[in-house]
PDB file of N, CA and C in Angstrom:
ATOM      1  N   MET A   1     114.977  96.044  74.699  1.00  0.00           N
ATOM      2  CA  MET A   1     113.196  96.666  75.844  1.00  0.00           C
ATOM      3  C   MET A   1     112.255  96.769  75.409  1.00  0.00           C
ATOM      4  N   ALA A   2     111.402  96.887  75.365  1.00  0.00           N
ATOM      5  CA  ALA A   2     109.536  96.158  75.272  1.00  0.00           C
ATOM      6  C   ALA A   2     109.059  97.900  75.527  1.00  0.00           C
ATOM      7  N   GLY A   3     108.228  98.211  74.302  1.00  0.00           N
ATOM      8  CA  GLY A   3     107.372  99.577  73.967  1.00  0.00           C
ATOM      9  C   GLY A   3     108.288 100.081  73.189  1.00  0.00           C
ATOM     10  N   ASP A   4     109.478  99.688  72.955  1.00  0.00           N
ATOM     11  CA  ASP A   4     110.554 101.162  71.766  1.00  0.00           C
ATOM     12  C   ASP A   4     110.677 100.285  70.570  1.00  0.00           C
ATOM     13  N   ASP A   5     109.972  99.081  69.833  1.00  0.00           N
ATOM     14  CA  ASP A   5     109.608  99.075  68.791  1.00  0.00           C
ATOM     15  C   ASP A   5     108.435  99.675  68.131  1.00  0.00           C
ATOM     16  N   ILE A   6     108.221  99.995  66.962  1.00  0.00           N
ATOM     17  CA  ILE A   6     107.535  99.958  65.869  1.00  0.00           C
ATOM     18  C   ILE A   6     106.717  99.265  64.936  1.00  0.00           C
ATOM     19  N   GLU A   7     105.584  99.480  65.361  1.00  0.00           N
ATOM     20  CA  GLU A   7     104.973  98.765  64.317  1.00  0.00           C
ATOM     21  C   GLU A   7     104.000  99.426  63.598  1.00  0.00           C
ATOM     22  N   PHE A   8     103.215  98.857  62.268  1.00  0.00           N
ATOM     23  CA  PHE A   8     103.266  99.039  61.119  1.00  0.00           C
ATOM     24  C   PHE A   8     101.504  98.403  61.136  1.00  0.00           C
ATOM     25  N   ALA A   9     100.662  99.134  60.868  1.00  0.00           N
ATOM     26  CA  ALA A   9      99.216  98.580  60.271  1.00  0.00           C
ATOM     27  C   ALA A   9      99.237  98.936  58.543  1.00  0.00           C
ATOM     28  N   LEU A  10     100.085  97.985  57.805  1.00  0.00           N
ATOM     29  CA  LEU A  10      99.441  98.464  56.485  1.00  0.00           C
ATOM     30  C   LEU A  10      98.239  97.775  55.690  1.00  0.00           C
ATOM     31  N   TYR A  11      97.096  98.996  56.156  1.00  0.00           N
ATOM     32  CA  TYR A  11      95.750  98.323  55.513  1.00  0.00           C
ATOM     33  C   TYR A  11      95.829  98.946  53.503  1.00  0.00           C
ATOM     34  N   GLU A  12      95.216  98.229  53.281  1.00  0.00           N
ATOM     35  CA  GLU A  12      94.929  98.279  51.730  1.00  0.00           C
ATOM     36  C   GLU A  12      94.126  99.029  51.038  1.00  0.00           C
ATOM     37  N   ASP A  13      92.838  98.858  51.463  1.00  0.00           N
ATOM     38  CA  ASP A  13      91.966  99.972  51.065  1.00  0.00           C
ATOM     39  C   ASP A  13      91.144 100.654  52.825  1.00  0.00           C
ATOM     40  N   ARG A  14      89.355 101.395  52.459  1.00  0.00           N
ATOM     41  CA  ARG A  14      89.489 102.093  53.523  1.00  0.00           C
ATOM     42  C   ARG A  14      88.903 101.398  54.510  1.00  0.00           C
ATOM     43  N   LEU A  15      88.406 101.435  55.703  1.00  0.00           N
ATOM     44  CA  LEU A  15      88.432 100.832  56.925  1.00  0.00           C
ATOM     45  C   LEU A  15      87.904 101.790  57.899  1.00  0.00           C
ATOM     46  N   PRO A  16      86.643 100.542  58.404  1.00  0.00           N
ATOM     47  CA  PRO A  16      86.054 101.458  58.976  1.00  0.00           C
ATOM     48  C   PRO A  16      87.034 102.264  60.502  1.00  0.00           C
ATOM     49  N   VAL A  17      86.355 103.710  60.566  1.00  0.00           N
ATOM     50  CA  VAL A  17      86.785 104.198  61.829  1.00  0.00           C
ATOM     51  C   VAL A  17      86.721 102.929  63.149  1.00  0.00           C
ATOM     52  N   GLU A  18      85.512 101.708  63.215  1.00  0.00           N
ATOM     53  CA  GLU A  18      85.562 101.211  64.322  1.00  0.00           C
ATOM     54  C   GLU A  18      86.225  99.798  64.264  1.00  0.00           C
ATOM     55  N   GLN A  19      87.140  99.451  62.982  1.00  0.00           N
ATOM     56  CA  GLN A  19      88.006  98.855  63.217  1.00  0.00           C
ATOM     57  C   GLN A  19      89.178  98.855  63.383  1.00  0.00           C
ATOM     58  N   LEU A  20      89.473 100.253  62.695  1.00  0.00           N
ATOM     59  CA  LEU A  20      91.041 101.578  63.612  1.00  0.00           C
ATOM     60  C   LEU A  20      91.202 100.488  65.047  1.00  0.00           C
ATOM     61  N   LYS A  21      89.309 101.599  65.705  1.00  0.00           N
ATOM     62  CA  LYS A  21      89.750 101.833  66.896  1.00  0.00           C
ATOM     63  C   LYS A  21      90.081 100.305  68.159  1.00  0.00           C
ATOM     64  N   ALA A  22      89.397  99.384  67.560  1.00  0.00           N
ATOM     65  CA  ALA A  22      89.747  97.619  67.648  1.00  0.00           C
ATOM     66  C   ALA A  22      91.314  97.987  67.430  1.00  0.00           C
ATOM     67  N   ASP A  23      92.285  98.062  66.407  1.00  0.00           N
ATOM     68  CA  ASP A  23      93.136  97.793  66.013  1.00  0.00           C
ATOM     69  C   ASP A  23      94.478  98.409  66.967  1.00  0.00           C
ATOM     70  N   ILE A  24      94.166  99.761  67.305  1.00  0.00           N
ATOM     71  CA  ILE A  24      94.783 101.211  68.011  1.00  0.00           C
ATOM     72  C   ILE A  24      95.241 100.556  69.489  1.00  0.00           C
ATOM     73  N   ILE A  25      93.413  99.696  70.659  1.00  0.00           N
ATOM     74  CA  ILE A  25      93.246  99.618  71.660  1.00  0.00           C
ATOM     75  C   ILE A  25      93.771  98.148  71.739  1.00  0.00           C
ATOM     76  N   HIS A  26      93.160  97.228  70.737  1.00  0.00           N
ATOM     77  CA  HIS A  26      94.735  96.339  71.371  1.00  0.00           C
ATOM     78  C   HIS A  26      96.183  96.234  71.025  1.00  0.00           C
ATOM     79  N   MET A  27      96.675  97.058  69.917  1.00  0.00           N
ATOM     80  CA  MET A  27      98.338  97.204  70.264  1.00  0.00           C
ATOM     81  C   MET A  27      98.654  98.116  71.530  1.00  0.00           C
ATOM     82  N   VAL A  28      97.311  99.077  71.940  1.00  0.00           N
ATOM     83  CA  VAL A  28      97.256  99.414  73.117  1.00  0.00           C
ATOM     84  C   VAL A  28      97.725  98.427  74.944  1.00  0.00           C
ATOM     85  N   LYS A  29      97.166  97.352  74.664  1.00  0.00           N
ATOM     86  CA  LYS A  29      96.604  96.755  75.507  1.00  0.00           C
ATOM     87  C   LYS A  29      97.424  96.120  75.926  1.00  0.00           C
ATOM     88  N   GLU A  30      97.648  95.379  74.537  1.00  0.00           N
ATOM     89  CA  GLU A  30      98.821  94.197  74.535  1.00  0.00           C
ATOM     90  C   GLU A  30     100.641  94.535  74.206  1.00  0.00           C
ATOM     91  N   ARG A  31     100.203  95.412  73.337  1.00  0.00           N
ATOM     92  CA  ARG A  31     101.635  95.469  73.014  1.00  0.00           C
ATOM     93  C   ARG A  31     103.090  97.436  73.547  1.00  0.00           C
ATOM     94  N   GLY A  32     101.764  98.194  74.579  1.00  0.00           N
ATOM     95  CA  GLY A  32     101.973  99.619  75.273  1.00  0.00           C
ATOM     96  C   GLY A  32     102.037 100.062  74.201  1.00  0.00           C
ATOM     97  N   CYS A  33     101.618 100.106  73.550  1.00  0.00           N
ATOM     98  CA  CYS A  33     101.977 101.621  72.220  1.00  0.00           C
ATOM     99  C   CYS A  33     101.444 102.946  73.372  1.00  0.00           C
ATOM    100  N   LYS A  34     102.162 102.834  72.662  1.00  0.00           N
ATOM    101  CA  LYS A  34     101.457 104.921  73.276  1.00  0.00           C
ATOM    102  C   LYS A  34     101.149 106.110  72.496  1.00  0.00           C
ATOM    103  N   VAL A  35     101.927 105.771  71.610  1.00  0.00           N
ATOM    104  CA  VAL A  35     101.199 106.553  69.992  1.00  0.00           C
ATOM    105  C   VAL A  35     100.567 106.633  69.301  1.00  0.00           C
ATOM    106  N   ALA A  36      99.589 106.286  68.088  1.00  0.00           N
ATOM    107  CA  ALA A  36      99.393 106.395  66.907  1.00  0.00           C
ATOM    108  C   ALA A  36      99.566 106.930  65.911  1.00  0.00           C
ATOM    109  N   MET A  37      99.752 106.800  65.103  1.00  0.00           N
ATOM    110  CA  MET A  37      99.654 107.623  63.806  1.00  0.00           C
ATOM    111  C   MET A  37      98.877 106.969  62.229  1.00  0.00           C
ATOM    112  N   ILE A  38      97.754 108.134  62.183  1.00  0.00           N
ATOM    113  CA  ILE A  38      97.427 108.141  60.934  1.00  0.00           C
ATOM    114  C   ILE A  38      97.271 108.221  59.931  1.00  0.00           C
ATOM    115  N   ASP A  39      97.641 108.188  58.960  1.00  0.00           N
ATOM    116  CA  ASP A  39      98.180 108.796  56.981  1.00  0.00           C
ATOM    117  C   ASP A  39      97.150 107.734  56.630  1.00  0.00           C
ATOM    118  N   ASN A  40      95.773 108.471  55.872  1.00  0.00           N
ATOM    119  CA  ASN A  40      95.567 109.496  55.899  1.00  0.00           C
ATOM    120  C   ASN A  40      93.873 109.230  56.122  1.00  0.00           C
ATOM    121  N   LEU A  41      93.257 110.282  56.884  1.00  0.00           N
ATOM    122  CA  LEU A  41      92.272 110.187  57.671  1.00  0.00           C
ATOM    123  C   LEU A  41      91.222 110.070  57.192  1.00  0.00           C
ATOM    124  N   ASN A  42      90.997 110.201  56.168  1.00  0.00           N
ATOM    125  CA  ASN A  42      90.256 110.155  54.650  1.00  0.00           C
ATOM    126  C   ASN A  42      89.823 108.883  54.145  1.00  0.00           C
ATOM    127  N   PHE A  43      91.035 107.467  54.414  1.00  0.00           N
ATOM    128  CA  PHE A  43      90.238 106.146  54.370  1.00  0.00           C
ATOM    129  C   PHE A  43      89.904 105.536  55.144  1.00  0.00           C
ATOM    130  N   PHE A  44      89.578 106.430  56.852  1.00  0.00           N
ATOM    131  CA  PHE A  44      88.688 105.945  57.550  1.00  0.00           C
ATOM    132  C   PHE A  44      87.187 107.005  58.063  1.00  0.00           C
ATOM    133  N   MET A  45      86.679 107.556  56.976  1.00  0.00           N
ATOM    134  CA  MET A  45      86.077 108.123  56.576  1.00  0.00           C
ATOM    135  C   MET A  45      85.338 107.506  55.529  1.00  0.00           C
ATOM    136  N   GLU A  46      83.238 107.624  55.854  1.00  0.00           N
ATOM    137  CA  GLU A  46      82.738 106.876  55.250  1.00  0.00           C
ATOM    138  C   GLU A  46      81.914 107.754  54.230  1.00  0.00           C
ATOM    139  N   VAL A  47      82.600 108.375  53.104  1.00  0.00           N
ATOM    140  CA  VAL A  47      81.570 109.572  52.828  1.00  0.00           C
ATOM    141  C   VAL A  47      81.519 109.393  51.482  1.00  0.00           C
ATOM    142  N   THR A  48      79.516 109.552  51.015  1.00  0.00           N
ATOM    143  CA  THR A  48      79.081 109.194  49.661  1.00  0.00           C
ATOM    144  C   THR A  48      78.611 110.108  48.798  1.00  0.00           C
ATOM    145  N   ASN A  49      79.517 111.385  49.662  1.00  0.00           N
ATOM    146  CA  ASN A  49      79.178 112.617  48.853  1.00  0.00           C
ATOM    147  C   ASN A  49      80.370 114.078  49.423  1.00  0.00           C
ATOM    148  N   ALA A  50      80.846 114.823  48.247  1.00  0.00           N
ATOM    149  CA  ALA A  50      81.322 115.645  49.225  1.00  0.00           C
ATOM    150  C   ALA A  50      80.961 116.541  50.230  1.00  0.00           C
ATOM    151  N   ARG A  51      79.251 116.968  50.130  1.00  0.00           N
ATOM    152  CA  ARG A  51      78.570 117.905  51.475  1.00  0.00           C
ATOM    153  C   ARG A  51      78.581 117.347  52.569  1.00  0.00           C
ATOM    154  N   ASP A  52      78.928 116.357  52.337  1.00  0.00           N
ATOM    155  CA  ASP A  52      78.581 114.887  54.166  1.00  0.00           C
ATOM    156  C   ASP A  52      79.886 114.723  54.307  1.00  0.00           C
ATOM    157  N   SER A  53      81.073 115.314  53.704  1.00  0.00           N
ATOM    158  CA  SER A  53      82.293 115.404  54.355  1.00  0.00           C
ATOM    159  C   SER A  53      83.475 115.292  55.443  1.00  0.00           C
ATOM    160  N   VAL A  54      82.772 116.625  55.791  1.00  0.00           N
ATOM    161  CA  VAL A  54      83.262 117.743  56.989  1.00  0.00           C
ATOM    162  C   VAL A  54      82.339 116.876  58.067  1.00  0.00           C
ATOM    163  N   ALA A  55      80.964 116.419  58.026  1.00  0.00           N
ATOM    164  CA  ALA A  55      79.931 116.000  59.347  1.00  0.00           C
ATOM    165  C   ALA A  55      80.604 114.800  59.394  1.00  0.00           C
ATOM    166  N   GLU A  56      81.463 113.690  58.217  1.00  0.00           N
ATOM    167  CA  GLU A  56      81.612 112.706  58.474  1.00  0.00           C
ATOM    168  C   GLU A  56      82.658 112.805  58.961  1.00  0.00           C
ATOM    169  N   MET A  57      84.006 113.373  58.906  1.00  0.00           N
ATOM    170  CA  MET A  57      85.203 113.805  59.306  1.00  0.00           C
ATOM    171  C   MET A  57      84.939 114.176  61.401  1.00  0.00           C
ATOM    172  N   ASP A  58      83.773 114.877  61.050  1.00  0.00           N
ATOM    173  CA  ASP A  58      83.506 115.197  62.757  1.00  0.00           C
ATOM    174  C   ASP A  58      83.370 114.317  63.128  1.00  0.00           C
ATOM    175  N   ARG A  59      82.453 113.142  62.976  1.00  0.00           N
ATOM    176  CA  ARG A  59      82.235 111.925  63.626  1.00  0.00           C
ATOM    177  C   ARG A  59      83.317 110.979  63.798  1.00  0.00           C
ATOM    178  N   VAL A  60      84.568 110.428  62.872  1.00  0.00           N
ATOM    179  CA  VAL A  60      85.737 110.223  63.195  1.00  0.00           C
ATOM    180  C   VAL A  60      86.433 110.241  64.219  1.00  0.00           C
ATOM    181  N   ILE A  61      86.573 111.969  63.870  1.00  0.00           N
ATOM    182  CA  ILE A  61      87.621 112.197  64.708  1.00  0.00           C
ATOM    183  C   ILE A  61      86.941 112.335  66.339  1.00  0.00           C
ATOM    184  N   HIS A  62      85.551 112.723  66.765  1.00  0.00           N
ATOM    185  CA  HIS A  62      84.658 112.922  67.610  1.00  0.00           C
ATOM    186  C   HIS A  62      85.029 111.194  68.520  1.00  0.00           C
ATOM    187  N   GLU A  63      85.317 109.932  67.305  1.00  0.00           N
ATOM    188  CA  GLU A  63      85.836 108.385  67.817  1.00  0.00           C
ATOM    189  C   GLU A  63      86.595 108.170  68.464  1.00  0.00           C
ATOM    190  N   LEU A  64      86.919 109.144  67.982  1.00  0.00           N
ATOM    191  CA  LEU A  64      88.954 108.757  68.492  1.00  0.00           C
ATOM    192  C   LEU A  64      88.951 109.431  69.652  1.00  0.00           C
ATOM    193  N   ILE A  65      88.560 110.940  69.754  1.00  0.00           N
ATOM    194  CA  ILE A  65      89.415 111.213  70.713  1.00  0.00           C
ATOM    195  C   ILE A  65      88.485 110.662  72.013  1.00  0.00           C
ATOM    196  N   ILE A  66      87.174 109.621  71.890  1.00  0.00           N
ATOM    197  CA  ILE A  66      86.394 109.471  73.148  1.00  0.00           C
ATOM    198  C   ILE A  66      87.498 107.972  73.820  1.00  0.00           C
ATOM    199  N   MET A  67      88.092 107.838  72.295  1.00  0.00           N
ATOM    200  CA  MET A  67      88.976 106.569  72.258  1.00  0.00           C
ATOM    201  C   MET A  67      89.817 106.857  72.967  1.00  0.00           C
ATOM    202  N   CYS A  68      90.402 108.017  73.438  1.00  0.00           N
ATOM    203  CA  CYS A  68      91.466 108.511  73.571  1.00  0.00           C
ATOM    204  C   CYS A  68      91.600 108.865  75.542  1.00  0.00           C
ATOM    205  N   LYS A  69      90.352 109.428  75.679  1.00  0.00           N
ATOM    206  CA  LYS A  69      90.036 109.177  76.646  1.00  0.00           C
ATOM    207  C   LYS A  69      89.694 108.467  77.566  1.00  0.00           C
ATOM    208  N   GLN A  70      89.845 107.089  76.718  1.00  0.00           N
ATOM    209  CA  GLN A  70      89.339 105.863  77.578  1.00  0.00           C
ATOM    210  C   GLN A  70      90.527 105.663  77.828  1.00  0.00           C
ATOM    211  N   ILE A  71      91.476 105.185  77.026  1.00  0.00           N
ATOM    212  CA  ILE A  71      92.610 104.466  76.955  1.00  0.00           C
ATOM    213  C   ILE A  71      93.889 105.157  77.331  1.00  0.00           C
ATOM    214  N   ASP A  72      95.010 104.844  77.779  1.00  0.00           N
ATOM    215  CA  ASP A  72      96.210 105.883  77.170  1.00  0.00           C
ATOM    216  C   ASP A  72      97.167 105.817  76.051  1.00  0.00           C
ATOM    217  N   VAL A  73      96.260 106.681  75.115  1.00  0.00           N
ATOM    218  CA  VAL A  73      97.012 106.994  73.657  1.00  0.00           C
ATOM    219  C   VAL A  73      96.956 107.690  72.845  1.00  0.00           C
ATOM    220  N   HIS A  74      98.029 108.224  72.655  1.00  0.00           N
ATOM    221  CA  HIS A  74      98.337 109.908  71.816  1.00  0.00           C
ATOM    222  C   HIS A  74      98.288 109.800  70.027  1.00  0.00           C
ATOM    223  N   VAL A  75      96.556 110.435  69.290  1.00  0.00           N
ATOM    224  CA  VAL A  75      96.631 109.642  67.954  1.00  0.00           C
ATOM    225  C   VAL A  75      97.335 110.955  67.527  1.00  0.00           C
ATOM    226  N   ILE A  76      97.929 110.858  66.463  1.00  0.00           N
ATOM    227  CA  ILE A  76      97.965 111.508  65.223  1.00  0.00           C
ATOM    228  C   ILE A  76      97.318 111.035  64.303  1.00  0.00           C
ATOM    229  N   MET A  77      97.192 112.568  63.346  1.00  0.00           N
ATOM    230  CA  MET A  77      96.050 112.549  62.382  1.00  0.00           C
ATOM    231  C   MET A  77      96.567 113.228  61.245  1.00  0.00           C
ATOM    232  N   GLY A  78      96.668 112.561  60.061  1.00  0.00           N
ATOM    233  CA  GLY A  78      96.923 113.847  59.168  1.00  0.00           C
ATOM    234  C   GLY A  78      95.717 113.685  58.228  1.00  0.00           C
ATOM    235  N   TYR A  79      95.705 114.520  57.538  1.00  0.00           N
ATOM    236  CA  TYR A  79      94.814 114.870  56.379  1.00  0.00           C
ATOM    237  C   TYR A  79      94.902 115.243  55.429  1.00  0.00           C
ATOM    238  N   ALA A  80      94.798 115.040  53.996  1.00  0.00           N
ATOM    239  CA  ALA A  80      95.012 115.546  52.580  1.00  0.00           C
ATOM    240  C   ALA A  80      94.065 115.134  51.627  1.00  0.00           C
ATOM    241  N   PRO A  81      93.243 116.155  51.522  1.00  0.00           N
ATOM    242  CA  PRO A  81      92.155 116.354  50.372  1.00  0.00           C
ATOM    243  C   PRO A  81      92.273 116.064  49.578  1.00  0.00           C
ATOM    244  N   GLU A  82      91.585 115.139  48.827  1.00  0.00           N
ATOM    245  CA  GLU A  82      92.049 114.830  47.485  1.00  0.00           C
ATOM    246  C   GLU A  82      91.570 116.107  46.009  1.00  0.00           C
ATOM    247  N   GLU A  83      92.888 115.996  45.714  1.00  0.00           N
ATOM    248  CA  GLU A  83      92.759 117.207  44.548  1.00  0.00           C
ATOM    249  C   GLU A  83      92.060 116.524  43.258  1.00  0.00           C
ATOM    250  N   LYS A  84      91.704 118.606  43.709  1.00  0.00           N
ATOM    251  CA  LYS A  84      90.449 118.488  42.378  1.00  0.00           C
ATOM    252  C   LYS A  84      91.385 119.260  40.634  1.00  0.00           C
ATOM    253  N   THR A  85      91.212 117.703  39.899  1.00  0.00           N
ATOM    254  CA  THR A  85      91.232 118.887  38.643  1.00  0.00           C
ATOM    255  C   THR A  85      90.306 118.907  37.622  1.00  0.00           C
ATOM    256  N   THR A  86      91.039 120.215  36.930  1.00  0.00           N
ATOM    257  CA  THR A  86      90.085 120.986  36.251  1.00  0.00           C
ATOM    258  C   THR A  86      90.591 120.250  34.644  1.00  0.00           C
TER     259      THR A  86
END
């Protein structure tokens, strides 16, 4: 039955949120995807220092929210900040 498959996009490194959005849009339009699960959100963030991480997270989440309002898809995101070693 169409739409019952699970598809994985196995990225090897960081990816711009614009590419992630393009991939999700493609899967929605071409394969009927209804849910996208993103783990780990920080792999789609372009952070140069810790001070900018919250602003960048807001930007990425906002981009995905706007996309979800334009197409029929739910996005579930996981985020695990890097552990600090002392």
